[in-house]
């Protein structure tokens, strides 16, 4: 068997993105048959040797530069629509890491929910000692509520959504979902709305959790018109893609509706700085009190690489045997 060259883009200092050392890889892969190379360090003459790409930051330019590319395995659960379209056009296999992030993303969403319901996030200004007191906190007591009082709406019905619902049911059984129009009759769920009825879904619920994938149908789908349907004292948690929600409409809505709380782990591409800094420090979001933010840490977990290596090894064996890949993306 010839040596297979696999390019990766895990070349950052961040734990999630730092490629394992050879000592770890040797326990899982036969490095005499498989060669892992950093895509940023590959010489132009060697690009044609790359048959497999494994990573997070796949671009159209990378795809076009790899003439012999046969399979892409994403370390994320989603991808850019244009990238998927290009891979499909070139008939390149695509798989992702769906399922690995169920626990970590759901845990972050639960943290957001608890913060919203208890008002803890309003005490982020405690560095000003004059504000670390009960009188200051009482100004925001009207925002507090019990989780079981919320009417929860989850946008999307993927793996993370299903896992999250299984945990949320312990606190609140009043849960609805929004699904694709074509899936409305297929999915067995008591409270569900089609994508066409998203405005009505917003008007009937006050805790919205976004887990939609990014595609032509979902880009900027949450806009001024949809946000204006929300009842007073509503909250929106964004844990999928930043560009699902129109950024300018969101900022204007936060400023206008003084009862609205926004929590997010993802941001618009226009605000992106680099993999270390997912949000421009000059963003208006930093200046707004009713905003809870984390720097795109939803996937962080101490078993991240154990799960990544296990999934990739399994898919590599399937690929070598010309079998269907786990998490194969059509």
C-alpha atoms as a PDB file:
ATOM      1  CA  UNK A   1       0.000   0.000   0.000  1.00  0.00           C
ATOM      2  CA  UNK A   2       1.325   3.432  -0.940  1.00  0.00           C
ATOM      3  CA  UNK A   3       1.798   6.076   1.716  1.00  0.00           C
ATOM      4  CA  UNK A   4      -1.269   8.298   2.101  1.00  0.00           C
ATOM      5  CA  UNK A   5      -0.632  12.006   2.680  1.00  0.00           C
ATOM      6  CA  UNK A   6      -3.149  13.710   4.943  1.00  0.00           C
ATOM      7  CA  UNK A   7      -3.091  17.490   5.281  1.00  0.00           C
ATOM      8  CA  UNK A   8      -4.374  19.163   8.434  1.00  0.00           C
ATOM      9  CA  UNK A   9      -4.779  22.738   9.666  1.00  0.00           C
ATOM     10  CA  UNK A  10      -4.420  22.082  13.410  1.00  0.00           C
ATOM     11  CA  UNK A  11      -1.419  24.342  13.788  1.00  0.00           C
ATOM     12  CA  UNK A  12      -2.510  26.796  16.463  1.00  0.00           C
ATOM     13  CA  UNK A  13      -1.657  27.009  20.133  1.00  0.00           C
ATOM     14  CA  UNK A  14      -5.296  26.577  21.159  1.00  0.00           C
ATOM     15  CA  UNK A  15      -5.894  23.136  22.655  1.00  0.00           C
ATOM     16  CA  UNK A  16      -8.692  22.356  20.226  1.00  0.00           C
ATOM     17  CA  UNK A  17      -6.578  23.215  17.206  1.00  0.00           C
ATOM     18  CA  UNK A  18      -3.129  21.977  18.199  1.00  0.00           C
ATOM     19  CA  UNK A  19      -2.295  18.805  16.300  1.00  0.00           C
ATOM     20  CA  UNK A  20      -1.174  15.859  18.510  1.00  0.00           C
ATOM     21  CA  UNK A  21       2.492  14.953  18.609  1.00  0.00           C
ATOM     22  CA  UNK A  22       3.818  11.843  16.837  1.00  0.00           C
ATOM     23  CA  UNK A  23       4.036   9.872  20.093  1.00  0.00           C
ATOM     24  CA  UNK A  24       0.249  10.123  20.418  1.00  0.00           C
ATOM     25  CA  UNK A  25      -0.411   9.489  16.726  1.00  0.00           C
ATOM     26  CA  UNK A  26       1.759   6.335  16.704  1.00  0.00           C
ATOM     27  CA  UNK A  27      -0.592   4.702  19.202  1.00  0.00           C
ATOM     28  CA  UNK A  28      -3.476   5.091  16.769  1.00  0.00           C
ATOM     29  CA  UNK A  29      -2.079   5.263  13.219  1.00  0.00           C
ATOM     30  CA  UNK A  30       0.606   3.451  11.235  1.00  0.00           C
ATOM     31  CA  UNK A  31       2.847   6.399  10.440  1.00  0.00           C
ATOM     32  CA  UNK A  32       4.766   4.343   7.872  1.00  0.00           C
ATOM     33  CA  UNK A  33       1.621   4.198   5.771  1.00  0.00           C
ATOM     34  CA  UNK A  34       0.156   7.562   6.742  1.00  0.00           C
ATOM     35  CA  UNK A  35       1.891  10.925   6.637  1.00  0.00           C
ATOM     36  CA  UNK A  36       0.330  13.943   8.356  1.00  0.00           C
ATOM     37  CA  UNK A  37       1.393  17.362   7.068  1.00  0.00           C
ATOM     38  CA  UNK A  38       0.501  20.907   8.031  1.00  0.00           C
ATOM     39  CA  UNK A  39      -1.273  22.438   5.027  1.00  0.00           C
ATOM     40  CA  UNK A  40       0.444  25.786   5.633  1.00  0.00           C
ATOM     41  CA  UNK A  41       3.882  24.179   5.419  1.00  0.00           C
ATOM     42  CA  UNK A  42       3.383  22.092   2.297  1.00  0.00           C
ATOM     43  CA  UNK A  43       5.460  23.102  -0.715  1.00  0.00           C
ATOM     44  CA  UNK A  44       3.569  23.751  -3.940  1.00  0.00           C
ATOM     45  CA  UNK A  45       5.235  20.773  -5.608  1.00  0.00           C
ATOM     46  CA  UNK A  46       3.872  18.463  -2.909  1.00  0.00           C
ATOM     47  CA  UNK A  47       0.265  19.665  -2.947  1.00  0.00           C
ATOM     48  CA  UNK A  48      -0.675  17.012  -5.503  1.00  0.00           C
ATOM     49  CA  UNK A  49       0.311  14.263  -3.031  1.00  0.00           C
ATOM     50  CA  UNK A  50      -2.441  15.242  -0.611  1.00  0.00           C
ATOM     51  CA  UNK A  51      -5.424  12.924  -0.819  1.00  0.00           C
ATOM     52  CA  UNK A  52      -7.194  13.715   2.471  1.00  0.00           C
ATOM     53  CA  UNK A  53      -7.793  16.971   4.336  1.00  0.00           C
ATOM     54  CA  UNK A  54      -8.669  17.019   8.035  1.00  0.00           C
ATOM     55  CA  UNK A  55      -9.361  20.249   9.874  1.00  0.00           C
ATOM     56  CA  UNK A  56     -11.525  23.260  10.667  1.00  0.00           C
ATOM     57  CA  UNK A  57     -10.561  26.087   8.342  1.00  0.00           C
ATOM     58  CA  UNK A  58     -11.077  24.647   4.881  1.00  0.00           C
ATOM     59  CA  UNK A  59     -11.325  27.368   2.203  1.00  0.00           C
ATOM     60  CA  UNK A  60     -12.169  27.455  -1.491  1.00  0.00           C
ATOM     61  CA  UNK A  61      -8.519  28.290  -2.239  1.00  0.00           C
ATOM     62  CA  UNK A  62      -7.295  25.212  -0.390  1.00  0.00           C
ATOM     63  CA  UNK A  63      -9.732  22.997  -2.286  1.00  0.00           C
ATOM     64  CA  UNK A  64      -8.602  24.443  -5.633  1.00  0.00           C
ATOM     65  CA  UNK A  65      -4.927  23.930  -4.748  1.00  0.00           C
ATOM     66  CA  UNK A  66      -5.313  20.214  -3.981  1.00  0.00           C
ATOM     67  CA  UNK A  67      -5.680  18.494  -7.348  1.00  0.00           C
ATOM     68  CA  UNK A  68      -5.713  14.981  -5.899  1.00  0.00           C
ATOM     69  CA  UNK A  69      -8.076  15.647  -2.987  1.00  0.00           C
ATOM     70  CA  UNK A  70     -10.515  12.753  -2.489  1.00  0.00           C
ATOM     71  CA  UNK A  71     -11.930  13.229   0.997  1.00  0.00           C
ATOM     72  CA  UNK A  72     -12.389  16.050   3.528  1.00  0.00           C
ATOM     73  CA  UNK A  73     -13.107  15.319   7.188  1.00  0.00           C
ATOM     74  CA  UNK A  74     -14.162  18.400   9.119  1.00  0.00           C
ATOM     75  CA  UNK A  75     -13.310  18.694  12.805  1.00  0.00           C
ATOM     76  CA  UNK A  76     -16.474  20.744  13.198  1.00  0.00           C
ATOM     77  CA  UNK A  77     -20.104  19.721  12.943  1.00  0.00           C
ATOM     78  CA  UNK A  78     -20.913  22.308  10.280  1.00  0.00           C
ATOM     79  CA  UNK A  79     -19.269  24.030   7.343  1.00  0.00           C
ATOM     80  CA  UNK A  80     -19.566  26.962   4.990  1.00  0.00           C
ATOM     81  CA  UNK A  81     -22.251  26.441   2.346  1.00  0.00           C
ATOM     82  CA  UNK A  82     -19.951  27.510  -0.524  1.00  0.00           C
ATOM     83  CA  UNK A  83     -17.298  25.044   0.615  1.00  0.00           C
ATOM     84  CA  UNK A  84     -19.850  22.210   0.604  1.00  0.00           C
ATOM     85  CA  UNK A  85     -21.029  23.259  -2.836  1.00  0.00           C
ATOM     86  CA  UNK A  86     -17.479  23.243  -4.214  1.00  0.00           C
ATOM     87  CA  UNK A  87     -16.714  19.804  -2.744  1.00  0.00           C
ATOM     88  CA  UNK A  88     -19.933  18.433  -4.184  1.00  0.00           C
ATOM     89  CA  UNK A  89     -19.109  19.868  -7.621  1.00  0.00           C
ATOM     90  CA  UNK A  90     -15.674  18.215  -7.533  1.00  0.00           C
ATOM     91  CA  UNK A  91     -17.168  14.943  -6.211  1.00  0.00           C
ATOM     92  CA  UNK A  92     -14.962  15.019  -3.122  1.00  0.00           C
ATOM     93  CA  UNK A  93     -16.200  13.001  -0.135  1.00  0.00           C
ATOM     94  CA  UNK A  94     -17.165  15.041   2.924  1.00  0.00           C
ATOM     95  CA  UNK A  95     -17.672  13.969   6.527  1.00  0.00           C
ATOM     96  CA  UNK A  96     -17.841  15.932   9.761  1.00  0.00           C
ATOM     97  CA  UNK A  97     -17.510  15.560  13.518  1.00  0.00           C
ATOM     98  CA  UNK A  98     -21.203  15.697  14.333  1.00  0.00           C
ATOM     99  CA  UNK A  99     -21.940  14.224  17.742  1.00  0.00           C
ATOM    100  CA  UNK A 100     -18.612  15.039  19.384  1.00  0.00           C
ATOM    101  CA  UNK A 101     -19.861  18.417  20.619  1.00  0.00           C
ATOM    102  CA  UNK A 102     -23.270  17.412  21.935  1.00  0.00           C
ATOM    103  CA  UNK A 103     -22.301  17.530  25.610  1.00  0.00           C
ATOM    104  CA  UNK A 104     -20.011  20.566  25.538  1.00  0.00           C
ATOM    105  CA  UNK A 105     -22.312  22.819  23.477  1.00  0.00           C
ATOM    106  CA  UNK A 106     -25.378  21.742  25.476  1.00  0.00           C
ATOM    107  CA  UNK A 107     -23.537  22.444  28.708  1.00  0.00           C
ATOM    108  CA  UNK A 108     -22.686  25.963  27.536  1.00  0.00           C
ATOM    109  CA  UNK A 109     -26.300  26.574  26.508  1.00  0.00           C
ATOM    110  CA  UNK A 110     -27.472  25.409  29.944  1.00  0.00           C
ATOM    111  CA  UNK A 111     -24.971  27.817  31.522  1.00  0.00           C
ATOM    112  CA  UNK A 112     -26.457  30.641  29.442  1.00  0.00           C
ATOM    113  CA  UNK A 113     -29.966  29.642  30.499  1.00  0.00           C
ATOM    114  CA  UNK A 114     -29.076  29.574  34.201  1.00  0.00           C
ATOM    115  CA  UNK A 115     -27.351  32.943  33.881  1.00  0.00           C
ATOM    116  CA  UNK A 116     -30.403  34.438  32.158  1.00  0.00           C
ATOM    117  CA  UNK A 117     -32.843  33.051  34.723  1.00  0.00           C
ATOM    118  CA  UNK A 118     -30.791  34.026  37.787  1.00  0.00           C
ATOM    119  CA  UNK A 119     -29.476  37.370  36.543  1.00  0.00           C
ATOM    120  CA  UNK A 120     -25.883  36.440  37.379  1.00  0.00           C
ATOM    121  CA  UNK A 121     -24.610  38.097  34.204  1.00  0.00           C
ATOM    122  CA  UNK A 122     -25.697  41.512  35.483  1.00  0.00           C
ATOM    123  CA  UNK A 123     -23.027  41.191  38.177  1.00  0.00           C
ATOM    124  CA  UNK A 124     -20.249  41.051  35.574  1.00  0.00           C
ATOM    125  CA  UNK A 125     -19.753  44.712  36.473  1.00  0.00           C
ATOM    126  CA  UNK A 126     -18.758  43.720  40.019  1.00  0.00           C
ATOM    127  CA  UNK A 127     -15.202  44.985  39.415  1.00  0.00           C
ATOM    128  CA  UNK A 128     -16.714  48.315  40.286  1.00  0.00           C
ATOM    129  CA  UNK A 129     -17.022  47.582  44.023  1.00  0.00           C
ATOM    130  CA  UNK A 130     -19.885  50.040  44.380  1.00  0.00           C
ATOM    131  CA  UNK A 131     -21.989  47.769  42.178  1.00  0.00           C
ATOM    132  CA  UNK A 132     -21.302  44.581  44.110  1.00  0.00           C
ATOM    133  CA  UNK A 133     -24.318  44.900  46.354  1.00  0.00           C
ATOM    134  CA  UNK A 134     -27.901  43.722  46.587  1.00  0.00           C
ATOM    135  CA  UNK A 135     -29.398  47.146  45.826  1.00  0.00           C
ATOM    136  CA  UNK A 136     -27.646  47.203  42.452  1.00  0.00           C
ATOM    137  CA  UNK A 137     -28.778  43.651  41.709  1.00  0.00           C
ATOM    138  CA  UNK A 138     -32.410  44.463  42.618  1.00  0.00           C
ATOM    139  CA  UNK A 139     -32.556  46.811  39.631  1.00  0.00           C
ATOM    140  CA  UNK A 140     -32.590  43.700  37.440  1.00  0.00           C
ATOM    141  CA  UNK A 141     -34.725  41.367  39.549  1.00  0.00           C
ATOM    142  CA  UNK A 142     -37.604  41.691  37.086  1.00  0.00           C
ATOM    143  CA  UNK A 143     -35.493  39.748  34.568  1.00  0.00           C
ATOM    144  CA  UNK A 144     -35.231  36.733  36.872  1.00  0.00           C
ATOM    145  CA  UNK A 145     -37.466  33.700  36.461  1.00  0.00           C
ATOM    146  CA  UNK A 146     -37.585  29.953  36.981  1.00  0.00           C
ATOM    147  CA  UNK A 147     -36.551  27.798  34.060  1.00  0.00           C
ATOM    148  CA  UNK A 148     -39.863  25.959  34.110  1.00  0.00           C
ATOM    149  CA  UNK A 149     -41.640  29.276  33.502  1.00  0.00           C
ATOM    150  CA  UNK A 150     -39.921  29.730  30.164  1.00  0.00           C
ATOM    151  CA  UNK A 151     -41.446  28.843  26.827  1.00  0.00           C
ATOM    152  CA  UNK A 152     -38.471  27.361  25.034  1.00  0.00           C
ATOM    153  CA  UNK A 153     -38.042  27.296  21.260  1.00  0.00           C
ATOM    154  CA  UNK A 154     -35.134  25.455  19.648  1.00  0.00           C
ATOM    155  CA  UNK A 155     -34.237  26.303  16.058  1.00  0.00           C
ATOM    156  CA  UNK A 156     -33.037  23.126  14.370  1.00  0.00           C
ATOM    157  CA  UNK A 157     -33.351  19.421  15.017  1.00  0.00           C
ATOM    158  CA  UNK A 158     -29.807  18.088  14.689  1.00  0.00           C
ATOM    159  CA  UNK A 159     -27.748  15.952  17.063  1.00  0.00           C
ATOM    160  CA  UNK A 160     -27.003  18.789  19.504  1.00  0.00           C
ATOM    161  CA  UNK A 161     -30.643  19.824  19.547  1.00  0.00           C
ATOM    162  CA  UNK A 162     -31.791  16.287  20.393  1.00  0.00           C
ATOM    163  CA  UNK A 163     -29.221  15.906  23.148  1.00  0.00           C
ATOM    164  CA  UNK A 164     -30.045  19.325  24.602  1.00  0.00           C
ATOM    165  CA  UNK A 165     -33.774  18.543  24.650  1.00  0.00           C
ATOM    166  CA  UNK A 166     -33.109  15.310  26.559  1.00  0.00           C
ATOM    167  CA  UNK A 167     -31.419  17.371  29.298  1.00  0.00           C
ATOM    168  CA  UNK A 168     -33.772  20.364  29.237  1.00  0.00           C
ATOM    169  CA  UNK A 169     -36.764  18.125  29.854  1.00  0.00           C
ATOM    170  CA  UNK A 170     -35.577  17.714  33.446  1.00  0.00           C
ATOM    171  CA  UNK A 171     -36.210  21.445  33.983  1.00  0.00           C
ATOM    172  CA  UNK A 172     -38.909  22.342  31.490  1.00  0.00           C
ATOM    173  CA  UNK A 173     -41.251  20.269  29.355  1.00  0.00           C
ATOM    174  CA  UNK A 174     -42.621  23.293  27.451  1.00  0.00           C
ATOM    175  CA  UNK A 175     -40.253  22.914  24.491  1.00  0.00           C
ATOM    176  CA  UNK A 176     -40.955  23.570  20.805  1.00  0.00           C
ATOM    177  CA  UNK A 177     -38.734  23.175  17.749  1.00  0.00           C
ATOM    178  CA  UNK A 178     -38.455  24.758  14.306  1.00  0.00           C
ATOM    179  CA  UNK A 179     -37.623  22.335  11.479  1.00  0.00           C
ATOM    180  CA  UNK A 180     -37.259  22.449   7.718  1.00  0.00           C
ATOM    181  CA  UNK A 181     -40.542  22.633   5.845  1.00  0.00           C
ATOM    182  CA  UNK A 182     -39.868  19.231   4.256  1.00  0.00           C
ATOM    183  CA  UNK A 183     -39.245  17.634   7.682  1.00  0.00           C
ATOM    184  CA  UNK A 184     -42.382  18.858   9.437  1.00  0.00           C
ATOM    185  CA  UNK A 185     -44.396  15.674   8.864  1.00  0.00           C
ATOM    186  CA  UNK A 186     -41.434  13.318   9.252  1.00  0.00           C
ATOM    187  CA  UNK A 187     -40.282  14.459  12.693  1.00  0.00           C
ATOM    188  CA  UNK A 188     -42.247  13.131  15.651  1.00  0.00           C
ATOM    189  CA  UNK A 189     -42.314  15.982  18.119  1.00  0.00           C
ATOM    190  CA  UNK A 190     -45.378  17.338  19.887  1.00  0.00           C
ATOM    191  CA  UNK A 191     -44.683  21.069  19.543  1.00  0.00           C
ATOM    192  CA  UNK A 192     -43.134  21.903  16.188  1.00  0.00           C
ATOM    193  CA  UNK A 193     -43.170  24.687  13.617  1.00  0.00           C
ATOM    194  CA  UNK A 194     -42.099  24.678  10.001  1.00  0.00           C
ATOM    195  CA  UNK A 195     -39.439  27.092   8.801  1.00  0.00           C
ATOM    196  CA  UNK A 196     -42.164  29.068   7.038  1.00  0.00           C
ATOM    197  CA  UNK A 197     -43.866  29.635  10.403  1.00  0.00           C
ATOM    198  CA  UNK A 198     -40.823  30.954  12.262  1.00  0.00           C
ATOM    199  CA  UNK A 199     -42.474  34.338  12.941  1.00  0.00           C
ATOM    200  CA  UNK A 200     -45.380  32.647  14.702  1.00  0.00           C
ATOM    201  CA  UNK A 201     -42.944  30.446  16.642  1.00  0.00           C
ATOM    202  CA  UNK A 202     -41.128  33.541  17.948  1.00  0.00           C
ATOM    203  CA  UNK A 203     -44.370  35.199  19.015  1.00  0.00           C
ATOM    204  CA  UNK A 204     -45.374  32.172  21.118  1.00  0.00           C
ATOM    205  CA  UNK A 205     -42.048  31.604  22.949  1.00  0.00           C
ATOM    206  CA  UNK A 206     -39.671  33.671  25.079  1.00  0.00           C
ATOM    207  CA  UNK A 207     -36.427  31.659  25.228  1.00  0.00           C
ATOM    208  CA  UNK A 208     -35.033  31.002  21.752  1.00  0.00           C
ATOM    209  CA  UNK A 209     -32.028  28.730  21.203  1.00  0.00           C
ATOM    210  CA  UNK A 210     -30.425  28.787  17.765  1.00  0.00           C
ATOM    211  CA  UNK A 211     -28.844  25.533  16.560  1.00  0.00           C
ATOM    212  CA  UNK A 212     -29.511  25.971  12.840  1.00  0.00           C
ATOM    213  CA  UNK A 213     -26.861  24.990  10.255  1.00  0.00           C
ATOM    214  CA  UNK A 214     -25.600  27.648   7.877  1.00  0.00           C
ATOM    215  CA  UNK A 215     -26.940  27.524   4.347  1.00  0.00           C
ATOM    216  CA  UNK A 216     -28.720  29.752   1.818  1.00  0.00           C
ATOM    217  CA  UNK A 217     -32.012  29.227   3.622  1.00  0.00           C
ATOM    218  CA  UNK A 218     -30.742  30.225   7.073  1.00  0.00           C
ATOM    219  CA  UNK A 219     -28.345  33.130   6.423  1.00  0.00           C
ATOM    220  CA  UNK A 220     -29.768  36.276   8.080  1.00  0.00           C
ATOM    221  CA  UNK A 221     -33.046  34.452   8.667  1.00  0.00           C
ATOM    222  CA  UNK A 222     -33.283  36.051  12.109  1.00  0.00           C
ATOM    223  CA  UNK A 223     -33.839  39.693  11.253  1.00  0.00           C
ATOM    224  CA  UNK A 224     -35.760  42.776  12.362  1.00  0.00           C
ATOM    225  CA  UNK A 225     -39.104  41.358  11.270  1.00  0.00           C
ATOM    226  CA  UNK A 226     -38.614  38.093  13.202  1.00  0.00           C
ATOM    227  CA  UNK A 227     -37.125  39.706  16.317  1.00  0.00           C
ATOM    228  CA  UNK A 228     -40.053  42.111  16.553  1.00  0.00           C
ATOM    229  CA  UNK A 229     -42.359  39.137  17.062  1.00  0.00           C
ATOM    230  CA  UNK A 230     -40.789  38.306  20.421  1.00  0.00           C
ATOM    231  CA  UNK A 231     -42.823  38.997  23.579  1.00  0.00           C
ATOM    232  CA  UNK A 232     -41.370  41.169  26.348  1.00  0.00           C
ATOM    233  CA  UNK A 233     -38.649  39.680  28.571  1.00  0.00           C
ATOM    234  CA  UNK A 234     -37.456  37.293  25.886  1.00  0.00           C
ATOM    235  CA  UNK A 235     -33.960  35.886  25.428  1.00  0.00           C
ATOM    236  CA  UNK A 236     -32.067  34.585  22.426  1.00  0.00           C
ATOM    237  CA  UNK A 237     -29.154  32.128  22.716  1.00  0.00           C
ATOM    238  CA  UNK A 238     -26.971  31.683  19.625  1.00  0.00           C
ATOM    239  CA  UNK A 239     -24.818  28.543  19.643  1.00  0.00           C
ATOM    240  CA  UNK A 240     -24.508  27.665  15.962  1.00  0.00           C
ATOM    241  CA  UNK A 241     -23.442  30.299  13.425  1.00  0.00           C
ATOM    242  CA  UNK A 242     -23.086  34.058  13.788  1.00  0.00           C
ATOM    243  CA  UNK A 243     -24.513  34.926  10.394  1.00  0.00           C
ATOM    244  CA  UNK A 244     -27.834  33.192  11.033  1.00  0.00           C
ATOM    245  CA  UNK A 245     -28.872  36.438  12.716  1.00  0.00           C
ATOM    246  CA  UNK A 246     -28.608  39.831  11.025  1.00  0.00           C
ATOM    247  CA  UNK A 247     -26.040  41.664  13.147  1.00  0.00           C
ATOM    248  CA  UNK A 248     -27.277  45.218  12.568  1.00  0.00           C
ATOM    249  CA  UNK A 249     -30.894  44.240  13.202  1.00  0.00           C
ATOM    250  CA  UNK A 250     -29.801  42.471  16.385  1.00  0.00           C
ATOM    251  CA  UNK A 251     -27.897  45.499  17.741  1.00  0.00           C
ATOM    252  CA  UNK A 252     -30.840  47.800  17.024  1.00  0.00           C
ATOM    253  CA  UNK A 253     -33.260  45.391  18.679  1.00  0.00           C
ATOM    254  CA  UNK A 254     -31.114  45.075  21.843  1.00  0.00           C
ATOM    255  CA  UNK A 255     -31.021  48.869  22.122  1.00  0.00           C
ATOM    256  CA  UNK A 256     -34.754  49.216  21.477  1.00  0.00           C
ATOM    257  CA  UNK A 257     -36.169  46.405  23.645  1.00  0.00           C
ATOM    258  CA  UNK A 258     -34.833  47.017  27.175  1.00  0.00           C
ATOM    259  CA  UNK A 259     -36.249  43.653  28.344  1.00  0.00           C
ATOM    260  CA  UNK A 260     -34.357  41.536  25.804  1.00  0.00           C
ATOM    261  CA  UNK A 261     -31.255  39.464  26.665  1.00  0.00           C
ATOM    262  CA  UNK A 262     -28.865  38.076  24.047  1.00  0.00           C
ATOM    263  CA  UNK A 263     -26.365  35.286  24.788  1.00  0.00           C
ATOM    264  CA  UNK A 264     -23.903  34.061  22.168  1.00  0.00           C
ATOM    265  CA  UNK A 265     -20.814  31.954  21.555  1.00  0.00           C
ATOM    266  CA  UNK A 266     -20.676  32.735  17.819  1.00  0.00           C
ATOM    267  CA  UNK A 267     -20.280  35.913  15.806  1.00  0.00           C
ATOM    268  CA  UNK A 268     -20.705  37.333  12.329  1.00  0.00           C
ATOM    269  CA  UNK A 269     -17.785  36.826   9.932  1.00  0.00           C
ATOM    270  CA  UNK A 270     -17.569  40.594   9.497  1.00  0.00           C
ATOM    271  CA  UNK A 271     -16.583  40.885  13.188  1.00  0.00           C
ATOM    272  CA  UNK A 272     -14.107  37.986  13.140  1.00  0.00           C
ATOM    273  CA  UNK A 273     -10.465  38.861  13.867  1.00  0.00           C
ATOM    274  CA  UNK A 274      -8.635  35.516  13.979  1.00  0.00           C
ATOM    275  CA  UNK A 275      -8.999  32.008  15.508  1.00  0.00           C
ATOM    276  CA  UNK A 276      -7.868  33.403  18.880  1.00  0.00           C
ATOM    277  CA  UNK A 277     -10.109  36.475  18.804  1.00  0.00           C
ATOM    278  CA  UNK A 278     -13.532  35.662  17.295  1.00  0.00           C
ATOM    279  CA  UNK A 279     -14.933  39.150  17.878  1.00  0.00           C
ATOM    280  CA  UNK A 280     -13.513  42.572  17.097  1.00  0.00           C
ATOM    281  CA  UNK A 281     -12.863  44.364  20.398  1.00  0.00           C
ATOM    282  CA  UNK A 282     -14.514  47.482  18.986  1.00  0.00           C
ATOM    283  CA  UNK A 283     -17.803  45.672  18.522  1.00  0.00           C
ATOM    284  CA  UNK A 284     -20.884  47.310  20.006  1.00  0.00           C
ATOM    285  CA  UNK A 285     -21.700  43.966  21.665  1.00  0.00           C
ATOM    286  CA  UNK A 286     -19.010  44.655  24.288  1.00  0.00           C
ATOM    287  CA  UNK A 287     -20.767  47.836  25.351  1.00  0.00           C
ATOM    288  CA  UNK A 288     -24.225  46.394  25.940  1.00  0.00           C
ATOM    289  CA  UNK A 289     -25.181  45.146  29.426  1.00  0.00           C
ATOM    290  CA  UNK A 290     -27.892  42.741  28.364  1.00  0.00           C
ATOM    291  CA  UNK A 291     -25.473  40.683  26.324  1.00  0.00           C
ATOM    292  CA  UNK A 292     -23.698  37.534  27.541  1.00  0.00           C
ATOM    293  CA  UNK A 293     -20.737  36.400  25.440  1.00  0.00           C
ATOM    294  CA  UNK A 294     -18.160  33.626  25.335  1.00  0.00           C
ATOM    295  CA  UNK A 295     -15.292  33.583  22.757  1.00  0.00           C
ATOM    296  CA  UNK A 296     -16.475  30.623  20.659  1.00  0.00           C
ATOM    297  CA  UNK A 297     -15.682  27.981  23.291  1.00  0.00           C
ATOM    298  CA  UNK A 298     -18.711  25.732  22.787  1.00  0.00           C
ATOM    299  CA  UNK A 299     -16.619  22.790  21.580  1.00  0.00           C
ATOM    300  CA  UNK A 300     -14.085  22.955  24.402  1.00  0.00           C
ATOM    301  CA  UNK A 301     -13.830  19.778  26.467  1.00  0.00           C
ATOM    302  CA  UNK A 302     -11.026  17.788  28.069  1.00  0.00           C
ATOM    303  CA  UNK A 303     -11.748  14.756  25.868  1.00  0.00           C
ATOM    304  CA  UNK A 304     -11.827  16.681  22.580  1.00  0.00           C
ATOM    305  CA  UNK A 305      -8.816  14.992  20.989  1.00  0.00           C
ATOM    306  CA  UNK A 306      -9.719  11.518  22.270  1.00  0.00           C
ATOM    307  CA  UNK A 307     -13.036  11.809  20.474  1.00  0.00           C
ATOM    308  CA  UNK A 308     -11.554  13.402  17.343  1.00  0.00           C
ATOM    309  CA  UNK A 309      -8.880  10.719  16.930  1.00  0.00           C
ATOM    310  CA  UNK A 310     -11.342   7.902  17.551  1.00  0.00           C
ATOM    311  CA  UNK A 311     -13.767   9.216  14.924  1.00  0.00           C
ATOM    312  CA  UNK A 312     -11.084   9.986  12.333  1.00  0.00           C
ATOM    313  CA  UNK A 313      -9.441   6.571  12.768  1.00  0.00           C
ATOM    314  CA  UNK A 314     -12.785   4.842  12.244  1.00  0.00           C
ATOM    315  CA  UNK A 315     -13.508   6.909   9.132  1.00  0.00           C
ATOM    316  CA  UNK A 316      -9.999   6.332   7.799  1.00  0.00           C
ATOM    317  CA  UNK A 317     -10.542   2.565   7.977  1.00  0.00           C
ATOM    318  CA  UNK A 318     -13.880   2.938   6.207  1.00  0.00           C
ATOM    319  CA  UNK A 319     -12.274   5.147   3.555  1.00  0.00           C
ATOM    320  CA  UNK A 320      -9.512   2.601   2.887  1.00  0.00           C
ATOM    321  CA  UNK A 321     -12.167  -0.097   2.476  1.00  0.00           C
ATOM    322  CA  UNK A 322     -14.354   2.086   0.213  1.00  0.00           C
ATOM    323  CA  UNK A 323     -17.250   2.007   2.684  1.00  0.00           C
ATOM    324  CA  UNK A 324     -19.683   4.742   3.704  1.00  0.00           C
ATOM    325  CA  UNK A 325     -18.151   7.201   6.163  1.00  0.00           C
ATOM    326  CA  UNK A 326     -19.512   8.014   9.617  1.00  0.00           C
ATOM    327  CA  UNK A 327     -21.227  11.430   9.451  1.00  0.00           C
ATOM    328  CA  UNK A 328     -21.100  11.380   5.679  1.00  0.00           C
ATOM    329  CA  UNK A 329     -22.401  14.690   4.292  1.00  0.00           C
ATOM    330  CA  UNK A 330     -24.381  14.436   1.057  1.00  0.00           C
END
